[in-house]
C-alpha cells in the first residue's frame, strides 16, 4: 500500500456529552499528530450544527492509517469515548486518495 491516504470523518456528538467529547477529541487529535505516518489531522466544527465535527486526516499511506493509527495506544480510548458520546449512526468515514497527488500542497 503506497501513496497518500486521506480520511474524512463526520461525527455527530450527543449534545449532553459535548464537553467530554470535545476534550477527548482534541486529546485524540494531538496524539494522532505525533504518529509517524500522520501528515495532517484537522478538527473542524460544522457552522450549521455545533454537535457535528469533521476530521480531515492525511496519512503517508493506507498502512499508516489502518495499522499505525488504528493500533496506536490512544485509539482504544478514542473508540470507547465515541461509543459513549456519539449519536447512534453518528459516525461516517470516507476514505480517499488524491486524484492528482502532484497538486497536493505540502503539509508541515
PDB file of N, CA and C in Angstrom:
ATOM      1  N   UNK A   1       0.844  -1.172   0.000  1.00  0.00           N
ATOM      2  CA  UNK A   1       0.000   0.000   0.000  1.00  0.00           C
ATOM      3  C   UNK A   1       0.892   1.239   0.000  1.00  0.00           C
ATOM      4  N   UNK A   2       0.776   2.041  -1.023  1.00  0.00           N
ATOM      5  CA  UNK A   2       1.618   3.225  -1.107  1.00  0.00           C
ATOM      6  C   UNK A   2       0.790   4.441  -1.467  1.00  0.00           C
ATOM      7  N   UNK A   3       1.363   5.601  -1.255  1.00  0.00           N
ATOM      8  CA  UNK A   3       0.708   6.848  -1.623  1.00  0.00           C
ATOM      9  C   UNK A   3      -0.076   7.461  -0.484  1.00  0.00           C
ATOM     10  N   UNK A   4      -0.288   8.746  -0.590  1.00  0.00           N
ATOM     11  CA  UNK A   4      -1.021   9.491   0.429  1.00  0.00           C
ATOM     12  C   UNK A   4      -2.446   8.942   0.550  1.00  0.00           C
ATOM     13  N   UNK A   5      -2.924   8.861   1.788  1.00  0.00           N
ATOM     14  CA  UNK A   5      -4.248   8.319   2.077  1.00  0.00           C
ATOM     15  C   UNK A   5      -4.986   9.325   2.950  1.00  0.00           C
ATOM     16  N   UNK A   6      -6.208   9.666   2.554  1.00  0.00           N
ATOM     17  CA  UNK A   6      -6.992  10.684   3.245  1.00  0.00           C
ATOM     18  C   UNK A   6      -8.229  10.049   3.870  1.00  0.00           C
ATOM     19  N   UNK A   7      -8.525  10.465   5.088  1.00  0.00           N
ATOM     20  CA  UNK A   7      -9.717  10.001   5.790  1.00  0.00           C
ATOM     21  C   UNK A   7     -10.522  11.226   6.203  1.00  0.00           C
ATOM     22  N   UNK A   8     -11.788  11.236   5.824  1.00  0.00           N
ATOM     23  CA  UNK A   8     -12.723  12.274   6.244  1.00  0.00           C
ATOM     24  C   UNK A   8     -13.729  11.607   7.166  1.00  0.00           C
ATOM     25  N   UNK A   9     -13.838  12.104   8.380  1.00  0.00           N
ATOM     26  CA  UNK A   9     -14.741  11.518   9.362  1.00  0.00           C
ATOM     27  C   UNK A   9     -15.762  12.571   9.764  1.00  0.00           C
ATOM     28  N   UNK A  10     -17.026  12.228   9.676  1.00  0.00           N
ATOM     29  CA  UNK A  10     -18.098  13.095  10.150  1.00  0.00           C
ATOM     30  C   UNK A  10     -18.662  12.462  11.410  1.00  0.00           C
ATOM     31  N   UNK A  11     -18.716  13.240  12.479  1.00  0.00           N
ATOM     32  CA  UNK A  11     -19.158  12.725  13.767  1.00  0.00           C
ATOM     33  C   UNK A  11     -20.236  13.640  14.333  1.00  0.00           C
ATOM     34  N   UNK A  12     -21.342  13.055  14.741  1.00  0.00           N
ATOM     35  CA  UNK A  12     -22.409  13.783  15.416  1.00  0.00           C
ATOM     36  C   UNK A  12     -22.386  13.395  16.890  1.00  0.00           C
ATOM     37  N   UNK A  13     -21.934  14.326  17.718  1.00  0.00           N
ATOM     38  CA  UNK A  13     -21.854  14.068  19.151  1.00  0.00           C
ATOM     39  C   UNK A  13     -23.215  14.285  19.806  1.00  0.00           C
ATOM     40  N   UNK A  14     -23.495  13.489  20.820  1.00  0.00           N
ATOM     41  CA  UNK A  14     -24.727  13.682  21.585  1.00  0.00           C
ATOM     42  C   UNK A  14     -24.593  14.980  22.381  1.00  0.00           C
ATOM     43  N   UNK A  15     -25.579  15.866  22.322  1.00  0.00           N
ATOM     44  CA  UNK A  15     -25.475  17.173  22.980  1.00  0.00           C
ATOM     45  C   UNK A  15     -25.095  17.113  24.455  1.00  0.00           C
ATOM     46  N   UNK A  16     -25.618  16.140  25.173  1.00  0.00           N
ATOM     47  CA  UNK A  16     -25.348  16.066  26.606  1.00  0.00           C
ATOM     48  C   UNK A  16     -23.926  15.619  26.945  1.00  0.00           C
ATOM     49  N   UNK A  17     -23.153  15.192  25.934  1.00  0.00           N
ATOM     50  CA  UNK A  17     -21.770  14.757  26.168  1.00  0.00           C
ATOM     51  C   UNK A  17     -20.761  15.674  25.488  1.00  0.00           C
ATOM     52  N   UNK A  18     -21.200  16.831  25.007  1.00  0.00           N
ATOM     53  CA  UNK A  18     -20.348  17.652  24.144  1.00  0.00           C
ATOM     54  C   UNK A  18     -19.030  18.068  24.810  1.00  0.00           C
ATOM     55  N   UNK A  19     -19.051  18.429  26.085  1.00  0.00           N
ATOM     56  CA  UNK A  19     -17.806  18.844  26.742  1.00  0.00           C
ATOM     57  C   UNK A  19     -16.835  17.671  26.863  1.00  0.00           C
ATOM     58  N   UNK A  20     -17.332  16.532  27.293  1.00  0.00           N
ATOM     59  CA  UNK A  20     -16.494  15.338  27.394  1.00  0.00           C
ATOM     60  C   UNK A  20     -15.980  14.928  26.019  1.00  0.00           C
ATOM     61  N   UNK A  21     -16.860  14.990  25.021  1.00  0.00           N
ATOM     62  CA  UNK A  21     -16.472  14.597  23.673  1.00  0.00           C
ATOM     63  C   UNK A  21     -15.379  15.500  23.112  1.00  0.00           C
ATOM     64  N   UNK A  22     -15.553  16.812  23.213  1.00  0.00           N
ATOM     65  CA  UNK A  22     -14.559  17.716  22.627  1.00  0.00           C
ATOM     66  C   UNK A  22     -13.206  17.589  23.328  1.00  0.00           C
ATOM     67  N   UNK A  23     -13.205  17.384  24.637  1.00  0.00           N
ATOM     68  CA  UNK A  23     -11.930  17.186  25.338  1.00  0.00           C
ATOM     69  C   UNK A  23     -11.228  15.925  24.818  1.00  0.00           C
ATOM     70  N   UNK A  24     -11.967  14.838  24.698  1.00  0.00           N
ATOM     71  CA  UNK A  24     -11.389  13.597  24.190  1.00  0.00           C
ATOM     72  C   UNK A  24     -10.998  13.692  22.727  1.00  0.00           C
ATOM     73  N   UNK A  25     -11.796  14.398  21.952  1.00  0.00           N
ATOM     74  CA  UNK A  25     -11.500  14.588  20.522  1.00  0.00           C
ATOM     75  C   UNK A  25     -10.171  15.303  20.336  1.00  0.00           C
ATOM     76  N   UNK A  26      -9.957  16.375  21.083  1.00  0.00           N
ATOM     77  CA  UNK A  26      -8.716  17.132  20.924  1.00  0.00           C
ATOM     78  C   UNK A  26      -7.512  16.388  21.499  1.00  0.00           C
ATOM     79  N   UNK A  27      -7.715  15.579  22.526  1.00  0.00           N
ATOM     80  CA  UNK A  27      -6.633  14.724  23.028  1.00  0.00           C
ATOM     81  C   UNK A  27      -6.256  13.678  21.982  1.00  0.00           C
ATOM     82  N   UNK A  28      -7.266  13.087  21.340  1.00  0.00           N
ATOM     83  CA  UNK A  28      -7.015  12.114  20.283  1.00  0.00           C
ATOM     84  C   UNK A  28      -6.290  12.761  19.106  1.00  0.00           C
ATOM     85  N   UNK A  29      -6.711  13.955  18.735  1.00  0.00           N
ATOM     86  CA  UNK A  29      -6.076  14.660  17.614  1.00  0.00           C
ATOM     87  C   UNK A  29      -4.601  14.927  17.917  1.00  0.00           C
ATOM     88  N   UNK A  30      -4.307  15.390  19.124  1.00  0.00           N
ATOM     89  CA  UNK A  30      -2.916  15.679  19.492  1.00  0.00           C
ATOM     90  C   UNK A  30      -2.055  14.417  19.453  1.00  0.00           C
ATOM     91  N   UNK A  31      -2.587  13.328  19.974  1.00  0.00           N
ATOM     92  CA  UNK A  31      -1.844  12.062  19.966  1.00  0.00           C
ATOM     93  C   UNK A  31      -1.649  11.555  18.542  1.00  0.00           C
ATOM     94  N   UNK A  32      -2.668  11.682  17.715  1.00  0.00           N
ATOM     95  CA  UNK A  32      -2.572  11.213  16.335  1.00  0.00           C
ATOM     96  C   UNK A  32      -1.535  12.014  15.563  1.00  0.00           C
ATOM     97  N   UNK A  33      -1.477  13.315  15.782  1.00  0.00           N
ATOM     98  CA  UNK A  33      -0.494  14.151  15.084  1.00  0.00           C
ATOM     99  C   UNK A  33       0.940  13.723  15.377  1.00  0.00           C
ATOM    100  N   UNK A  34       1.158  13.056  16.506  1.00  0.00           N
ATOM    101  CA  UNK A  34       2.504  12.592  16.863  1.00  0.00           C
ATOM    102  C   UNK A  34       2.843  11.233  16.243  1.00  0.00           C
ATOM    103  N   UNK A  35       1.873  10.574  15.614  1.00  0.00           N
ATOM    104  CA  UNK A  35       2.138   9.274  14.988  1.00  0.00           C
ATOM    105  C   UNK A  35       3.058   9.474  13.780  1.00  0.00           C
ATOM    106  N   UNK A  36       4.001   8.559  13.571  1.00  0.00           N
ATOM    107  CA  UNK A  36       4.957   8.717  12.476  1.00  0.00           C
ATOM    108  C   UNK A  36       4.329   8.877  11.088  1.00  0.00           C
ATOM    109  N   UNK A  37       3.235   8.189  10.802  1.00  0.00           N
ATOM    110  CA  UNK A  37       2.641   8.245   9.468  1.00  0.00           C
ATOM    111  C   UNK A  37       1.590   9.310   9.273  1.00  0.00           C
ATOM    112  N   UNK A  38       1.285  10.078  10.321  1.00  0.00           N
ATOM    113  CA  UNK A  38       0.264  11.118  10.197  1.00  0.00           C
ATOM    114  C   UNK A  38       0.892  12.392   9.639  1.00  0.00           C
ATOM    115  N   UNK A  39       0.376  12.845   8.517  1.00  0.00           N
ATOM    116  CA  UNK A  39       0.869  14.076   7.907  1.00  0.00           C
ATOM    117  C   UNK A  39       0.031  15.285   8.294  1.00  0.00           C
ATOM    118  N   UNK A  40      -1.235  15.053   8.616  1.00  0.00           N
ATOM    119  CA  UNK A  40      -2.139  16.161   8.972  1.00  0.00           C
ATOM    120  C   UNK A  40      -3.362  15.594   9.687  1.00  0.00           C
ATOM    121  N   UNK A  41      -3.846  16.339  10.672  1.00  0.00           N
ATOM    122  CA  UNK A  41      -5.065  15.954  11.381  1.00  0.00           C
ATOM    123  C   UNK A  41      -5.751  17.239  11.815  1.00  0.00           C
ATOM    124  N   UNK A  42      -6.813  17.602  11.129  1.00  0.00           N
ATOM    125  CA  UNK A  42      -7.552  18.825  11.422  1.00  0.00           C
ATOM    126  C   UNK A  42      -8.904  18.484  12.021  1.00  0.00           C
ATOM    127  N   UNK A  43      -9.307  19.230  13.035  1.00  0.00           N
ATOM    128  CA  UNK A  43     -10.621  19.085  13.651  1.00  0.00           C
ATOM    129  C   UNK A  43     -11.449  20.295  13.233  1.00  0.00           C
ATOM    130  N   UNK A  44     -12.565  20.038  12.577  1.00  0.00           N
ATOM    131  CA  UNK A  44     -13.456  21.095  12.105  1.00  0.00           C
ATOM    132  C   UNK A  44     -14.815  20.927  12.772  1.00  0.00           C
ATOM    133  N   UNK A  45     -15.516  22.043  12.931  1.00  0.00           N
ATOM    134  CA  UNK A  45     -16.858  22.011  13.517  1.00  0.00           C
ATOM    135  C   UNK A  45     -17.817  22.639  12.522  1.00  0.00           C
ATOM    136  N   UNK A  46     -18.919  21.968  12.257  1.00  0.00           N
ATOM    137  CA  UNK A  46     -19.890  22.455  11.277  1.00  0.00           C
ATOM    138  C   UNK A  46     -20.495  23.780  11.742  1.00  0.00           C
ATOM    139  N   UNK A  47     -20.647  24.707  10.834  1.00  0.00           N
ATOM    140  CA  UNK A  47     -21.248  26.004  11.163  1.00  0.00           C
ATOM    141  C   UNK A  47     -22.730  25.884  11.474  1.00  0.00           C
ATOM    142  N   UNK A  48     -23.399  24.946  10.835  1.00  0.00           N
ATOM    143  CA  UNK A  48     -24.854  24.835  10.995  1.00  0.00           C
ATOM    144  C   UNK A  48     -25.282  23.847  12.078  1.00  0.00           C
ATOM    145  N   UNK A  49     -24.322  23.171  12.715  1.00  0.00           N
ATOM    146  CA  UNK A  49     -24.656  22.199  13.758  1.00  0.00           C
ATOM    147  C   UNK A  49     -23.478  22.110  14.726  1.00  0.00           C
ATOM    148  N   UNK A  50     -23.580  22.688  15.905  1.00  0.00           N
ATOM    149  CA  UNK A  50     -22.453  22.699  16.847  1.00  0.00           C
ATOM    150  C   UNK A  50     -22.091  21.329  17.415  1.00  0.00           C
ATOM    151  N   UNK A  51     -22.878  20.313  17.112  1.00  0.00           N
ATOM    152  CA  UNK A  51     -22.606  18.965  17.593  1.00  0.00           C
ATOM    153  C   UNK A  51     -21.989  18.082  16.504  1.00  0.00           C
ATOM    154  N   UNK A  52     -21.788  18.652  15.308  1.00  0.00           N
ATOM    155  CA  UNK A  52     -21.201  17.895  14.195  1.00  0.00           C
ATOM    156  C   UNK A  52     -19.753  18.327  13.983  1.00  0.00           C
ATOM    157  N   UNK A  53     -18.886  17.322  13.909  1.00  0.00           N
ATOM    158  CA  UNK A  53     -17.458  17.557  13.712  1.00  0.00           C
ATOM    159  C   UNK A  53     -17.009  16.828  12.455  1.00  0.00           C
ATOM    160  N   UNK A  54     -16.047  17.404  11.787  1.00  0.00           N
ATOM    161  CA  UNK A  54     -15.450  16.783  10.607  1.00  0.00           C
ATOM    162  C   UNK A  54     -13.950  16.685  10.872  1.00  0.00           C
ATOM    163  N   UNK A  55     -13.413  15.498  10.748  1.00  0.00           N
ATOM    164  CA  UNK A  55     -11.982  15.288  10.902  1.00  0.00           C
ATOM    165  C   UNK A  55     -11.388  15.112   9.516  1.00  0.00           C
ATOM    166  N   UNK A  56     -10.337  15.840   9.246  1.00  0.00           N
ATOM    167  CA  UNK A  56      -9.627  15.768   7.970  1.00  0.00           C
ATOM    168  C   UNK A  56      -8.244  15.227   8.286  1.00  0.00           C
ATOM    169  N   UNK A  57      -8.007  13.988   7.885  1.00  0.00           N
ATOM    170  CA  UNK A  57      -6.780  13.299   8.250  1.00  0.00           C
ATOM    171  C   UNK A  57      -6.011  12.898   6.991  1.00  0.00           C
ATOM    172  N   UNK A  58      -4.721  13.148   6.996  1.00  0.00           N
ATOM    173  CA  UNK A  58      -3.871  12.727   5.881  1.00  0.00           C
ATOM    174  C   UNK A  58      -2.748  11.871   6.451  1.00  0.00           C
ATOM    175  N   UNK A  59      -2.588  10.705   5.857  1.00  0.00           N
ATOM    176  CA  UNK A  59      -1.556   9.768   6.275  1.00  0.00           C
ATOM    177  C   UNK A  59      -0.606   9.499   5.113  1.00  0.00           C
ATOM    178  N   UNK A  60       0.595   9.064   5.443  1.00  0.00           N
ATOM    179  CA  UNK A  60       1.605   8.789   4.427  1.00  0.00           C
ATOM    180  C   UNK A  60       1.153   7.703   3.455  1.00  0.00           C
ATOM    181  N   UNK A  61       0.352   6.760   3.963  1.00  0.00           N
ATOM    182  CA  UNK A  61      -0.188   5.689   3.128  1.00  0.00           C
ATOM    183  C   UNK A  61      -1.293   4.975   3.914  1.00  0.00           C
ATOM    184  N   UNK A  62      -1.937   4.014   3.294  1.00  0.00           N
ATOM    185  CA  UNK A  62      -3.025   3.285   3.949  1.00  0.00           C
ATOM    186  C   UNK A  62      -2.557   2.557   5.204  1.00  0.00           C
ATOM    187  N   UNK A  63      -1.364   2.003   5.148  1.00  0.00           N
ATOM    188  CA  UNK A  63      -0.840   1.265   6.291  1.00  0.00           C
ATOM    189  C   UNK A  63      -0.669   2.171   7.512  1.00  0.00           C
ATOM    190  N   UNK A  64      -0.274   3.411   7.292  1.00  0.00           N
ATOM    191  CA  UNK A  64      -0.120   4.356   8.403  1.00  0.00           C
ATOM    192  C   UNK A  64      -1.449   4.566   9.120  1.00  0.00           C
ATOM    193  N   UNK A  65      -2.548   4.513   8.379  1.00  0.00           N
ATOM    194  CA  UNK A  65      -3.867   4.660   8.992  1.00  0.00           C
ATOM    195  C   UNK A  65      -4.360   3.344   9.576  1.00  0.00           C
ATOM    196  N   UNK A  66      -4.476   2.317   8.729  1.00  0.00           N
ATOM    197  CA  UNK A  66      -5.110   1.074   9.161  1.00  0.00           C
ATOM    198  C   UNK A  66      -4.282   0.283  10.169  1.00  0.00           C
ATOM    199  N   UNK A  67      -2.976   0.411  10.120  1.00  0.00           N
ATOM    200  CA  UNK A  67      -2.128  -0.310  11.070  1.00  0.00           C
ATOM    201  C   UNK A  67      -1.588   0.640  12.134  1.00  0.00           C
ATOM    202  N   UNK A  68      -0.852   1.661  11.719  1.00  0.00           N
ATOM    203  CA  UNK A  68      -0.246   2.578  12.686  1.00  0.00           C
ATOM    204  C   UNK A  68      -1.257   3.285  13.563  1.00  0.00           C
ATOM    205  N   UNK A  69      -2.215   3.947  12.955  1.00  0.00           N
ATOM    206  CA  UNK A  69      -3.195   4.724  13.708  1.00  0.00           C
ATOM    207  C   UNK A  69      -4.162   3.831  14.478  1.00  0.00           C
ATOM    208  N   UNK A  70      -4.741   2.883  13.815  1.00  0.00           N
ATOM    209  CA  UNK A  70      -5.760   2.046  14.463  1.00  0.00           C
ATOM    210  C   UNK A  70      -5.192   1.142  15.558  1.00  0.00           C
ATOM    211  N   UNK A  71      -3.882   0.970  15.601  1.00  0.00           N
ATOM    212  CA  UNK A  71      -3.268   0.162  16.655  1.00  0.00           C
ATOM    213  C   UNK A  71      -2.485   1.023  17.653  1.00  0.00           C
ATOM    214  N   UNK A  72      -2.573   2.332  17.525  1.00  0.00           N
ATOM    215  CA  UNK A  72      -1.890   3.227  18.466  1.00  0.00           C
ATOM    216  C   UNK A  72      -2.522   3.089  19.852  1.00  0.00           C
ATOM    217  N   UNK A  73      -1.735   3.328  20.881  1.00  0.00           N
ATOM    218  CA  UNK A  73      -2.197   3.163  22.259  1.00  0.00           C
ATOM    219  C   UNK A  73      -3.427   4.018  22.567  1.00  0.00           C
ATOM    220  N   UNK A  74      -3.501   5.210  22.019  1.00  0.00           N
ATOM    221  CA  UNK A  74      -4.607   6.120  22.331  1.00  0.00           C
ATOM    222  C   UNK A  74      -5.894   5.788  21.581  1.00  0.00           C
ATOM    223  N   UNK A  75      -5.824   4.963  20.547  1.00  0.00           N
ATOM    224  CA  UNK A  75      -7.001   4.703  19.711  1.00  0.00           C
ATOM    225  C   UNK A  75      -8.110   3.958  20.470  1.00  0.00           C
ATOM    226  N   UNK A  76      -7.755   3.066  21.368  1.00  0.00           N
ATOM    227  CA  UNK A  76      -8.774   2.340  22.133  1.00  0.00           C
ATOM    228  C   UNK A  76      -9.583   3.295  23.008  1.00  0.00           C
ATOM    229  N   UNK A  77      -8.925   4.270  23.614  1.00  0.00           N
ATOM    230  CA  UNK A  77      -9.639   5.256  24.427  1.00  0.00           C
ATOM    231  C   UNK A  77     -10.562   6.096  23.562  1.00  0.00           C
ATOM    232  N   UNK A  78     -10.116   6.445  22.364  1.00  0.00           N
ATOM    233  CA  UNK A  78     -10.930   7.214  21.424  1.00  0.00           C
ATOM    234  C   UNK A  78     -12.178   6.427  21.023  1.00  0.00           C
ATOM    235  N   UNK A  79     -12.009   5.165  20.722  1.00  0.00           N
ATOM    236  CA  UNK A  79     -13.133   4.314  20.330  1.00  0.00           C
ATOM    237  C   UNK A  79     -14.151   4.209  21.464  1.00  0.00           C
ATOM    238  N   UNK A  80     -13.671   4.029  22.684  1.00  0.00           N
ATOM    239  CA  UNK A  80     -14.571   3.944  23.837  1.00  0.00           C
ATOM    240  C   UNK A  80     -15.322   5.261  24.034  1.00  0.00           C
ATOM    241  N   UNK A  81     -14.630   6.376  23.876  1.00  0.00           N
ATOM    242  CA  UNK A  81     -15.278   7.682  24.006  1.00  0.00           C
ATOM    243  C   UNK A  81     -16.383   7.835  22.961  1.00  0.00           C
ATOM    244  N   UNK A  82     -16.109   7.426  21.741  1.00  0.00           N
ATOM    245  CA  UNK A  82     -17.118   7.525  20.672  1.00  0.00           C
ATOM    246  C   UNK A  82     -18.335   6.664  20.973  1.00  0.00           C
ATOM    247  N   UNK A  83     -18.115   5.494  21.531  1.00  0.00           N
ATOM    248  CA  UNK A  83     -19.253   4.624  21.871  1.00  0.00           C
ATOM    249  C   UNK A  83     -20.188   5.324  22.850  1.00  0.00           C
ATOM    250  N   UNK A  84     -19.629   6.122  23.753  1.00  0.00           N
ATOM    251  CA  UNK A  84     -20.423   6.801  24.761  1.00  0.00           C
ATOM    252  C   UNK A  84     -20.995   8.126  24.249  1.00  0.00           C
ATOM    253  N   UNK A  85     -20.218   8.887  23.505  1.00  0.00           N
ATOM    254  CA  UNK A  85     -20.563  10.280  23.181  1.00  0.00           C
ATOM    255  C   UNK A  85     -21.167  10.516  21.799  1.00  0.00           C
ATOM    256  N   UNK A  86     -21.063   9.566  20.909  1.00  0.00           N
ATOM    257  CA  UNK A  86     -21.536   9.774  19.539  1.00  0.00           C
ATOM    258  C   UNK A  86     -22.958   9.245  19.390  1.00  0.00           C
ATOM    259  N   UNK A  87     -23.773  10.034  18.722  1.00  0.00           N
ATOM    260  CA  UNK A  87     -25.163   9.652  18.482  1.00  0.00           C
ATOM    261  C   UNK A  87     -25.222   8.358  17.672  1.00  0.00           C
ATOM    262  N   UNK A  88     -26.285   7.560  17.851  1.00  0.00           N
ATOM    263  CA  UNK A  88     -26.432   6.342  17.042  1.00  0.00           C
ATOM    264  C   UNK A  88     -26.336   6.685  15.544  1.00  0.00           C
ATOM    265  N   UNK A  89     -25.589   5.906  14.830  1.00  0.00           N
ATOM    266  CA  UNK A  89     -25.346   6.131  13.391  1.00  0.00           C
ATOM    267  C   UNK A  89     -24.744   7.506  13.138  1.00  0.00           C
ATOM    268  N   UNK A  90     -24.014   8.043  14.118  1.00  0.00           N
ATOM    269  CA  UNK A  90     -23.475   9.394  14.005  1.00  0.00           C
ATOM    270  C   UNK A  90     -22.019   9.479  13.633  1.00  0.00           C
ATOM    271  N   UNK A  91     -21.470   8.421  13.050  1.00  0.00           N
ATOM    272  CA  UNK A  91     -20.059   8.457  12.637  1.00  0.00           C
ATOM    273  C   UNK A  91     -19.937   7.839  11.251  1.00  0.00           C
ATOM    274  N   UNK A  92     -19.375   8.617  10.339  1.00  0.00           N
ATOM    275  CA  UNK A  92     -19.203   8.148   8.972  1.00  0.00           C
ATOM    276  C   UNK A  92     -17.773   8.415   8.506  1.00  0.00           C
ATOM    277  N   UNK A  93     -17.111   7.386   8.009  1.00  0.00           N
ATOM    278  CA  UNK A  93     -15.765   7.518   7.460  1.00  0.00           C
ATOM    279  C   UNK A  93     -15.825   7.477   5.942  1.00  0.00           C
ATOM    280  N   UNK A  94     -15.098   8.383   5.321  1.00  0.00           N
ATOM    281  CA  UNK A  94     -14.918   8.368   3.874  1.00  0.00           C
ATOM    282  C   UNK A  94     -13.419   8.263   3.620  1.00  0.00           C
ATOM    283  N   UNK A  95     -13.022   7.268   2.848  1.00  0.00           N
ATOM    284  CA  UNK A  95     -11.614   7.054   2.530  1.00  0.00           C
ATOM    285  C   UNK A  95     -11.371   7.554   1.112  1.00  0.00           C
ATOM    286  N   UNK A  96     -10.240   8.240   0.923  1.00  0.00           N
ATOM    287  CA  UNK A  96      -9.968   8.836  -0.378  1.00  0.00           C
ATOM    288  C   UNK A  96      -8.466   8.876  -0.642  1.00  0.00           C
ATOM    289  N   UNK A  97      -8.150   8.995  -1.906  1.00  0.00           N
ATOM    290  CA  UNK A  97      -6.774   9.232  -2.332  1.00  0.00           C
ATOM    291  C   UNK A  97      -6.799  10.435  -3.270  1.00  0.00           C
ATOM    292  N   UNK A  98      -5.717  11.180  -3.345  1.00  0.00           N
ATOM    293  CA  UNK A  98      -5.697  12.353  -4.216  1.00  0.00           C
ATOM    294  C   UNK A  98      -5.894  11.956  -5.681  1.00  0.00           C
ATOM    295  N   UNK A  99      -6.756  12.676  -6.364  1.00  0.00           N
ATOM    296  CA  UNK A  99      -6.948  12.448  -7.788  1.00  0.00           C
ATOM    297  C   UNK A  99      -5.697  12.866  -8.555  1.00  0.00           C
ATOM    298  N   UNK A 100      -5.079  13.947  -8.119  1.00  0.00           N
ATOM    299  CA  UNK A 100      -3.830  14.432  -8.704  1.00  0.00           C
ATOM    300  C   UNK A 100      -2.835  14.691  -7.573  1.00  0.00           C
ATOM    301  N   UNK A 101      -2.136  13.661  -7.126  1.00  0.00           N
ATOM    302  CA  UNK A 101      -1.238  13.812  -5.980  1.00  0.00           C
ATOM    303  C   UNK A 101      -0.196  14.907  -6.171  1.00  0.00           C
ATOM    304  N   UNK A 102       0.205  15.136  -7.406  1.00  0.00           N
ATOM    305  CA  UNK A 102       1.228  16.166  -7.651  1.00  0.00           C
ATOM    306  C   UNK A 102       0.716  17.580  -7.343  1.00  0.00           C
ATOM    307  N   UNK A 103      -0.606  17.736  -7.225  1.00  0.00           N
ATOM    308  CA  UNK A 103      -1.154  19.054  -6.931  1.00  0.00           C
ATOM    309  C   UNK A 103      -1.418  19.270  -5.451  1.00  0.00           C
ATOM    310  N   UNK A 104      -1.181  18.263  -4.627  1.00  0.00           N
ATOM    311  CA  UNK A 104      -1.394  18.429  -3.189  1.00  0.00           C
ATOM    312  C   UNK A 104      -0.358  19.382  -2.635  1.00  0.00           C
ATOM    313  N   UNK A 105      -0.807  20.303  -1.806  1.00  0.00           N
ATOM    314  CA  UNK A 105       0.113  21.239  -1.161  1.00  0.00           C
ATOM    315  C   UNK A 105       0.955  20.497  -0.134  1.00  0.00           C
ATOM    316  N   UNK A 106       2.133  20.989   0.086  1.00  0.00           N
ATOM    317  CA  UNK A 106       2.993  20.418   1.118  1.00  0.00           C
ATOM    318  C   UNK A 106       2.379  20.724   2.478  1.00  0.00           C
ATOM    319  N   UNK A 107       2.450  19.755   3.373  1.00  0.00           N
ATOM    320  CA  UNK A 107       1.907  19.916   4.722  1.00  0.00           C
ATOM    321  C   UNK A 107       3.036  19.824   5.729  1.00  0.00           C
ATOM    322  N   UNK A 108       3.182  20.856   6.507  1.00  0.00           N
ATOM    323  CA  UNK A 108       4.238  20.852   7.521  1.00  0.00           C
ATOM    324  C   UNK A 108       3.700  20.423   8.842  1.00  0.00           C
TER     325      UNK A 108
END
